[in-house]
Amino acid sequence: MKFPSPIPIKEIAKKINAKIIGNDTLLATGINEIHKVEEGDITFSDLAKYSKKALNSAASIIILNEEKECPKGKAILI
């Protein structure tokens, strides 16, 4: 799903009370499942076994429930 307009990651983090790891200047342009994401999208993983897949996906912003090393150019919301 694409958003009508980009949303700053800092705004998303504030709304969901999340810590940002990585690039805190990103703009989210949409949200989708791990296997459908595009650059600019948000995706998430609530299971440790899918965290690596989420981090290696095309998504720019990944929501996780534990801290991980953030790939360059991306951001993680914890």
N, C-alpha and C. Protein backbone atom coordinates (compact mmCIF):
# COMPACT_ATOMS: atom_id res chain seq x y z
N MET A 1 0.84 -1.17 0.00
CA MET A 1 0.00 0.00 0.00
C MET A 1 0.90 1.24 0.00
N LYS A 2 0.65 2.13 -0.91
CA LYS A 2 1.39 3.38 -0.97
C LYS A 2 0.63 4.45 -0.18
N PHE A 3 1.39 5.32 0.47
CA PHE A 3 0.80 6.43 1.21
C PHE A 3 0.50 7.58 0.27
N PRO A 4 -0.51 8.41 0.57
CA PRO A 4 -0.82 9.56 -0.27
C PRO A 4 0.37 10.54 -0.38
N SER A 5 1.15 10.63 0.69
CA SER A 5 2.36 11.46 0.68
C SER A 5 3.37 10.84 1.64
N PRO A 6 4.67 11.05 1.40
CA PRO A 6 5.70 10.46 2.26
C PRO A 6 5.57 10.91 3.72
N ILE A 7 5.90 10.00 4.63
CA ILE A 7 5.83 10.28 6.07
C ILE A 7 7.23 10.16 6.66
N PRO A 8 7.72 11.19 7.33
CA PRO A 8 9.05 11.12 7.95
C PRO A 8 9.12 10.01 9.01
N ILE A 9 10.22 9.29 9.02
CA ILE A 9 10.39 8.20 9.98
C ILE A 9 10.29 8.71 11.42
N LYS A 10 10.75 9.91 11.68
CA LYS A 10 10.66 10.45 13.04
C LYS A 10 9.21 10.59 13.48
N GLU A 11 8.32 10.93 12.57
CA GLU A 11 6.89 11.05 12.89
C GLU A 11 6.31 9.67 13.21
N ILE A 12 6.69 8.66 12.43
CA ILE A 12 6.21 7.30 12.67
C ILE A 12 6.71 6.81 14.03
N ALA A 13 8.00 7.02 14.29
CA ALA A 13 8.60 6.58 15.56
C ALA A 13 7.88 7.21 16.74
N LYS A 14 7.57 8.48 16.62
CA LYS A 14 6.88 9.18 17.72
C LYS A 14 5.49 8.58 17.95
N LYS A 15 4.77 8.30 16.87
CA LYS A 15 3.40 7.78 16.99
C LYS A 15 3.36 6.38 17.60
N ILE A 16 4.38 5.57 17.32
CA ILE A 16 4.37 4.20 17.84
C ILE A 16 5.35 4.02 19.01
N ASN A 17 5.91 5.14 19.49
CA ASN A 17 6.83 5.13 20.62
C ASN A 17 8.00 4.18 20.38
N ALA A 18 8.64 4.33 19.21
CA ALA A 18 9.73 3.45 18.81
C ALA A 18 11.08 4.17 18.81
N LYS A 19 12.10 3.39 19.04
CA LYS A 19 13.49 3.85 18.94
C LYS A 19 13.94 3.65 17.49
N ILE A 20 14.65 4.64 16.94
CA ILE A 20 15.17 4.54 15.58
C ILE A 20 16.63 4.11 15.63
N ILE A 21 16.96 3.07 14.87
CA ILE A 21 18.34 2.66 14.68
C ILE A 21 18.62 2.84 13.19
N GLY A 22 19.69 3.54 12.87
CA GLY A 22 20.03 3.75 11.46
C GLY A 22 19.67 5.14 10.99
N ASN A 23 19.31 5.24 9.73
CA ASN A 23 19.04 6.52 9.07
C ASN A 23 17.72 7.13 9.58
N ASP A 24 17.83 8.21 10.34
CA ASP A 24 16.62 8.83 10.90
C ASP A 24 16.05 9.95 10.03
N THR A 25 16.52 10.04 8.78
CA THR A 25 16.01 11.06 7.86
C THR A 25 15.14 10.46 6.76
N LEU A 26 14.90 9.17 6.82
CA LEU A 26 14.13 8.51 5.77
C LEU A 26 12.67 8.97 5.74
N LEU A 27 12.08 8.86 4.56
CA LEU A 27 10.66 9.11 4.38
C LEU A 27 10.00 7.81 3.94
N ALA A 28 8.96 7.40 4.62
CA ALA A 28 8.22 6.20 4.25
C ALA A 28 7.21 6.55 3.16
N THR A 29 7.23 5.76 2.10
CA THR A 29 6.31 6.00 0.99
C THR A 29 5.20 4.95 0.91
N GLY A 30 5.31 3.90 1.74
CA GLY A 30 4.29 2.86 1.74
C GLY A 30 4.61 1.81 2.78
N ILE A 31 3.76 0.79 2.83
CA ILE A 31 3.95 -0.32 3.76
C ILE A 31 3.49 -1.59 3.05
N ASN A 32 4.25 -2.69 3.28
CA ASN A 32 3.88 -3.93 2.61
C ASN A 32 4.52 -5.13 3.28
N GLU A 33 4.12 -6.32 2.81
CA GLU A 33 4.67 -7.58 3.28
C GLU A 33 6.10 -7.73 2.78
N ILE A 34 6.90 -8.53 3.49
CA ILE A 34 8.31 -8.70 3.17
C ILE A 34 8.53 -9.03 1.69
N HIS A 35 7.74 -9.92 1.12
CA HIS A 35 7.97 -10.36 -0.26
C HIS A 35 7.39 -9.41 -1.32
N LYS A 36 6.77 -8.31 -0.89
CA LYS A 36 6.18 -7.35 -1.84
C LYS A 36 6.74 -5.94 -1.70
N VAL A 37 7.66 -5.70 -0.76
CA VAL A 37 8.13 -4.35 -0.50
C VAL A 37 8.99 -3.79 -1.62
N GLU A 38 8.99 -2.47 -1.67
CA GLU A 38 9.83 -1.71 -2.59
C GLU A 38 10.63 -0.71 -1.77
N GLU A 39 11.66 -0.14 -2.37
CA GLU A 39 12.42 0.90 -1.67
C GLU A 39 11.48 2.00 -1.22
N GLY A 40 11.65 2.46 0.01
CA GLY A 40 10.78 3.49 0.58
C GLY A 40 9.68 2.91 1.45
N ASP A 41 9.44 1.61 1.32
CA ASP A 41 8.38 0.96 2.09
C ASP A 41 8.82 0.61 3.50
N ILE A 42 7.82 0.40 4.35
CA ILE A 42 7.99 -0.14 5.68
C ILE A 42 7.56 -1.60 5.64
N THR A 43 8.29 -2.45 6.35
CA THR A 43 7.84 -3.82 6.57
C THR A 43 8.13 -4.16 8.02
N PHE A 44 7.69 -5.32 8.47
CA PHE A 44 7.93 -5.68 9.86
C PHE A 44 8.14 -7.19 9.98
N SER A 45 8.72 -7.56 11.10
CA SER A 45 8.83 -8.97 11.46
C SER A 45 8.69 -9.06 12.97
N ASP A 46 7.77 -9.90 13.41
CA ASP A 46 7.61 -10.10 14.84
C ASP A 46 8.19 -11.44 15.29
N LEU A 47 8.81 -12.15 14.34
CA LEU A 47 9.45 -13.42 14.64
C LEU A 47 10.93 -13.33 14.29
N ALA A 48 11.78 -13.76 15.21
CA ALA A 48 13.23 -13.68 15.00
C ALA A 48 13.66 -14.38 13.71
N LYS A 49 13.02 -15.48 13.35
CA LYS A 49 13.45 -16.22 12.17
C LYS A 49 13.21 -15.45 10.87
N TYR A 50 12.39 -14.40 10.88
CA TYR A 50 12.16 -13.61 9.67
C TYR A 50 12.85 -12.25 9.71
N SER A 51 13.52 -11.93 10.80
CA SER A 51 14.19 -10.63 10.92
C SER A 51 15.22 -10.41 9.82
N LYS A 52 16.04 -11.43 9.56
CA LYS A 52 17.08 -11.31 8.53
C LYS A 52 16.45 -11.07 7.16
N LYS A 53 15.37 -11.78 6.86
CA LYS A 53 14.70 -11.61 5.57
C LYS A 53 14.16 -10.18 5.45
N ALA A 54 13.60 -9.65 6.52
CA ALA A 54 13.08 -8.28 6.50
C ALA A 54 14.21 -7.28 6.29
N LEU A 55 15.33 -7.49 7.00
CA LEU A 55 16.47 -6.58 6.89
C LEU A 55 17.11 -6.62 5.51
N ASN A 56 17.05 -7.76 4.84
CA ASN A 56 17.64 -7.91 3.51
C ASN A 56 16.65 -7.63 2.38
N SER A 57 15.43 -7.29 2.72
CA SER A 57 14.41 -6.99 1.71
C SER A 57 14.66 -5.60 1.11
N ALA A 58 13.85 -5.23 0.17
CA ALA A 58 13.96 -3.90 -0.46
C ALA A 58 13.44 -2.78 0.44
N ALA A 59 12.77 -3.14 1.53
CA ALA A 59 12.21 -2.14 2.44
C ALA A 59 13.29 -1.20 2.97
N SER A 60 12.93 0.05 3.14
CA SER A 60 13.85 1.04 3.72
C SER A 60 13.72 1.12 5.23
N ILE A 61 12.53 0.81 5.74
CA ILE A 61 12.25 0.89 7.18
C ILE A 61 11.68 -0.44 7.64
N ILE A 62 12.29 -0.99 8.69
CA ILE A 62 11.87 -2.29 9.19
C ILE A 62 11.49 -2.15 10.66
N ILE A 63 10.32 -2.65 11.00
CA ILE A 63 9.87 -2.65 12.39
C ILE A 63 10.18 -4.03 12.98
N LEU A 64 10.95 -4.04 14.06
CA LEU A 64 11.32 -5.28 14.74
C LEU A 64 11.02 -5.15 16.23
N ASN A 65 10.98 -6.29 16.91
CA ASN A 65 10.74 -6.25 18.36
C ASN A 65 12.03 -6.46 19.15
N GLU A 66 13.18 -6.44 18.47
CA GLU A 66 14.48 -6.54 19.14
C GLU A 66 15.52 -5.80 18.31
N GLU A 67 16.58 -5.33 18.97
CA GLU A 67 17.62 -4.58 18.28
C GLU A 67 18.46 -5.51 17.41
N LYS A 68 18.78 -5.05 16.22
CA LYS A 68 19.63 -5.75 15.27
C LYS A 68 20.56 -4.72 14.65
N GLU A 69 21.62 -5.19 14.00
CA GLU A 69 22.50 -4.29 13.26
C GLU A 69 21.74 -3.82 12.02
N CYS A 70 21.76 -2.53 11.78
CA CYS A 70 20.98 -1.94 10.69
C CYS A 70 21.82 -1.88 9.41
N PRO A 71 21.27 -2.39 8.31
CA PRO A 71 21.97 -2.27 7.03
C PRO A 71 22.11 -0.80 6.62
N LYS A 72 23.19 -0.48 5.94
CA LYS A 72 23.46 0.89 5.50
C LYS A 72 22.30 1.42 4.66
N GLY A 73 21.91 2.67 4.96
CA GLY A 73 20.86 3.34 4.20
C GLY A 73 19.44 3.01 4.65
N LYS A 74 19.30 2.11 5.60
CA LYS A 74 17.98 1.70 6.10
C LYS A 74 17.80 2.18 7.53
N ALA A 75 16.63 1.90 8.08
CA ALA A 75 16.36 2.21 9.48
C ALA A 75 15.52 1.09 10.07
N ILE A 76 15.74 0.88 11.36
CA ILE A 76 14.95 -0.09 12.13
C ILE A 76 14.20 0.68 13.19
N LEU A 77 12.95 0.34 13.37
CA LEU A 77 12.14 0.88 14.47
C LEU A 77 11.95 -0.23 15.48
N ILE A 78 12.33 0.01 16.72
CA ILE A 78 12.19 -0.99 17.79
C ILE A 78 11.07 -0.55 18.73
